[in-house]
Amino acid sequence: MDIISAYREVGTYRGAAAISGTTPKTVKRVIVGHESGQARRARAPREHNDGWSPACTAPTGTASGSAGDGAGSVSTAKLWSPLMVSR
């Protein structure tokens, strides 16, 4: 049920919020806007995550030394310690 219909049926912000699954503050904001004749606010367009960023392409495991010596790499034994397993 939408917020305006829930408010008309129940008559209170708190009751309409419980039916609509939102907060009483949001119900009040919607009802006041609806009664004053304001149109619904349009959402601002969001930027989309295309899955690529420079941080994703940075080499890993080369914090110190050259890439081949393994000095900066982490072994899987260190990643999967018994302390990290949930019980």
C-alpha atoms as a PDB file:
ATOM      1  CA  MET A   1       0.000   0.000   0.000  1.00  0.00           C
ATOM      2  CA  ASP A   2       1.348   3.446  -0.792  1.00  0.00           C
ATOM      3  CA  ILE A   3       1.895   6.093   1.876  1.00  0.00           C
ATOM      4  CA  ILE A   4      -0.967   8.405   0.920  1.00  0.00           C
ATOM      5  CA  SER A   5      -3.537   5.591   0.853  1.00  0.00           C
ATOM      6  CA  ALA A   6      -2.292   4.253   4.191  1.00  0.00           C
ATOM      7  CA  TYR A   7      -2.571   7.711   5.768  1.00  0.00           C
ATOM      8  CA  ARG A   8      -6.111   8.181   4.441  1.00  0.00           C
ATOM      9  CA  GLU A   9      -7.140   4.792   5.809  1.00  0.00           C
ATOM     10  CA  VAL A  10      -5.539   5.099   9.261  1.00  0.00           C
ATOM     11  CA  GLY A  11      -5.393   8.857   9.819  1.00  0.00           C
ATOM     12  CA  THR A  12      -2.084   9.006  11.712  1.00  0.00           C
ATOM     13  CA  TYR A  13       1.502   9.365  10.580  1.00  0.00           C
ATOM     14  CA  ARG A  14       2.653   6.581  12.880  1.00  0.00           C
ATOM     15  CA  GLY A  15      -0.018   4.136  11.699  1.00  0.00           C
ATOM     16  CA  ALA A  16       0.606   4.905   8.047  1.00  0.00           C
ATOM     17  CA  ALA A  17       4.328   4.428   8.616  1.00  0.00           C
ATOM     18  CA  ALA A  18       3.746   0.984  10.143  1.00  0.00           C
ATOM     19  CA  ILE A  19       1.592  -0.070   7.186  1.00  0.00           C
ATOM     20  CA  SER A  20       3.925   1.407   4.557  1.00  0.00           C
ATOM     21  CA  GLY A  21       7.154   0.180   6.114  1.00  0.00           C
ATOM     22  CA  THR A  22       8.699   3.624   6.513  1.00  0.00           C
ATOM     23  CA  THR A  23       9.142   6.253   9.223  1.00  0.00           C
ATOM     24  CA  PRO A  24       6.514   8.714  10.497  1.00  0.00           C
ATOM     25  CA  LYS A  25       8.795  11.565   9.413  1.00  0.00           C
ATOM     26  CA  THR A  26       8.723  10.321   5.832  1.00  0.00           C
ATOM     27  CA  VAL A  27       4.926   9.932   5.952  1.00  0.00           C
ATOM     28  CA  LYS A  28       4.540  13.508   7.194  1.00  0.00           C
ATOM     29  CA  ARG A  29       6.850  14.816   4.469  1.00  0.00           C
ATOM     30  CA  VAL A  30       4.889  12.989   1.757  1.00  0.00           C
ATOM     31  CA  ILE A  31       1.460  14.014   3.091  1.00  0.00           C
ATOM     32  CA  VAL A  32       2.395  17.681   3.556  1.00  0.00           C
ATOM     33  CA  GLY A  33       3.842  17.762   0.050  1.00  0.00           C
ATOM     34  CA  HIS A  34       0.785  16.048  -1.404  1.00  0.00           C
ATOM     35  CA  GLU A  35      -1.685  18.343   0.342  1.00  0.00           C
ATOM     36  CA  SER A  36       0.191  21.477  -0.742  1.00  0.00           C
ATOM     37  CA  GLY A  37       0.080  20.366  -4.367  1.00  0.00           C
ATOM     38  CA  GLN A  38       3.808  19.813  -4.767  1.00  0.00           C
ATOM     39  CA  ALA A  39       4.903  17.275  -7.308  1.00  0.00           C
ATOM     40  CA  ARG A  40       7.071  14.384  -6.229  1.00  0.00           C
ATOM     41  CA  ARG A  41      10.748  15.177  -6.179  1.00  0.00           C
ATOM     42  CA  ALA A  42      12.671  13.648  -9.041  1.00  0.00           C
ATOM     43  CA  ARG A  43      15.693  11.627  -8.085  1.00  0.00           C
ATOM     44  CA  ALA A  44      19.070  12.882  -9.163  1.00  0.00           C
ATOM     45  CA  PRO A  45      20.728  10.523 -11.645  1.00  0.00           C
ATOM     46  CA  ARG A  46      23.329   8.311 -10.024  1.00  0.00           C
ATOM     47  CA  GLU A  47      26.706   7.426 -11.398  1.00  0.00           C
ATOM     48  CA  HIS A  48      27.002   3.804 -12.405  1.00  0.00           C
ATOM     49  CA  ASN A  49      29.845   1.618 -11.291  1.00  0.00           C
ATOM     50  CA  ASP A  50      31.364   0.120 -14.396  1.00  0.00           C
ATOM     51  CA  GLY A  51      33.575  -2.280 -12.436  1.00  0.00           C
ATOM     52  CA  TRP A  52      36.891  -0.663 -13.295  1.00  0.00           C
ATOM     53  CA  SER A  53      39.074   1.659 -11.311  1.00  0.00           C
ATOM     54  CA  PRO A  54      42.831   2.260 -11.212  1.00  0.00           C
ATOM     55  CA  ALA A  55      42.994   0.595  -7.790  1.00  0.00           C
ATOM     56  CA  CYS A  56      41.712  -2.658  -9.313  1.00  0.00           C
ATOM     57  CA  THR A  57      44.543  -2.849 -11.801  1.00  0.00           C
ATOM     58  CA  ALA A  58      47.417  -2.161  -9.396  1.00  0.00           C
ATOM     59  CA  PRO A  59      49.860  -5.054  -9.015  1.00  0.00           C
ATOM     60  CA  THR A  60      49.575  -6.960  -5.753  1.00  0.00           C
ATOM     61  CA  GLY A  61      52.183  -8.717  -3.673  1.00  0.00           C
ATOM     62  CA  THR A  62      55.031  -6.412  -4.659  1.00  0.00           C
ATOM     63  CA  ALA A  63      55.253  -4.148  -1.634  1.00  0.00           C
ATOM     64  CA  SER A  64      58.966  -4.751  -1.217  1.00  0.00           C
ATOM     65  CA  GLY A  65      61.566  -6.347  -3.446  1.00  0.00           C
ATOM     66  CA  SER A  66      60.972  -7.452  -6.982  1.00  0.00           C
ATOM     67  CA  ALA A  67      57.893  -9.219  -8.227  1.00  0.00           C
ATOM     68  CA  GLY A  68      59.593 -12.600  -8.418  1.00  0.00           C
ATOM     69  CA  ASP A  69      61.153 -12.891  -4.943  1.00  0.00           C
ATOM     70  CA  GLY A  70      57.855 -13.273  -3.041  1.00  0.00           C
ATOM     71  CA  ALA A  71      58.902 -10.840  -0.330  1.00  0.00           C
ATOM     72  CA  GLY A  72      55.676  -8.857  -0.507  1.00  0.00           C
ATOM     73  CA  SER A  73      53.261 -11.706  -1.127  1.00  0.00           C
ATOM     74  CA  VAL A  74      50.943 -13.271   1.415  1.00  0.00           C
ATOM     75  CA  SER A  75      50.544 -17.027   1.540  1.00  0.00           C
ATOM     76  CA  THR A  76      47.167 -18.698   1.758  1.00  0.00           C
ATOM     77  CA  ALA A  77      48.234 -20.238   5.074  1.00  0.00           C
ATOM     78  CA  LYS A  78      48.332 -16.737   6.565  1.00  0.00           C
ATOM     79  CA  LEU A  79      44.970 -15.835   5.047  1.00  0.00           C
ATOM     80  CA  TRP A  80      43.138 -18.899   6.370  1.00  0.00           C
ATOM     81  CA  SER A  81      44.240 -19.174   9.961  1.00  0.00           C
ATOM     82  CA  PRO A  82      42.098 -21.188  12.390  1.00  0.00           C
ATOM     83  CA  LEU A  83      41.349 -17.994  14.318  1.00  0.00           C
ATOM     84  CA  MET A  84      39.482 -16.502  11.362  1.00  0.00           C
ATOM     85  CA  VAL A  85      37.028 -19.406  11.056  1.00  0.00           C
ATOM     86  CA  SER A  86      33.667 -18.648  12.667  1.00  0.00           C
ATOM     87  CA  ARG A  87      32.285 -21.161  15.076  1.00  0.00           C
END
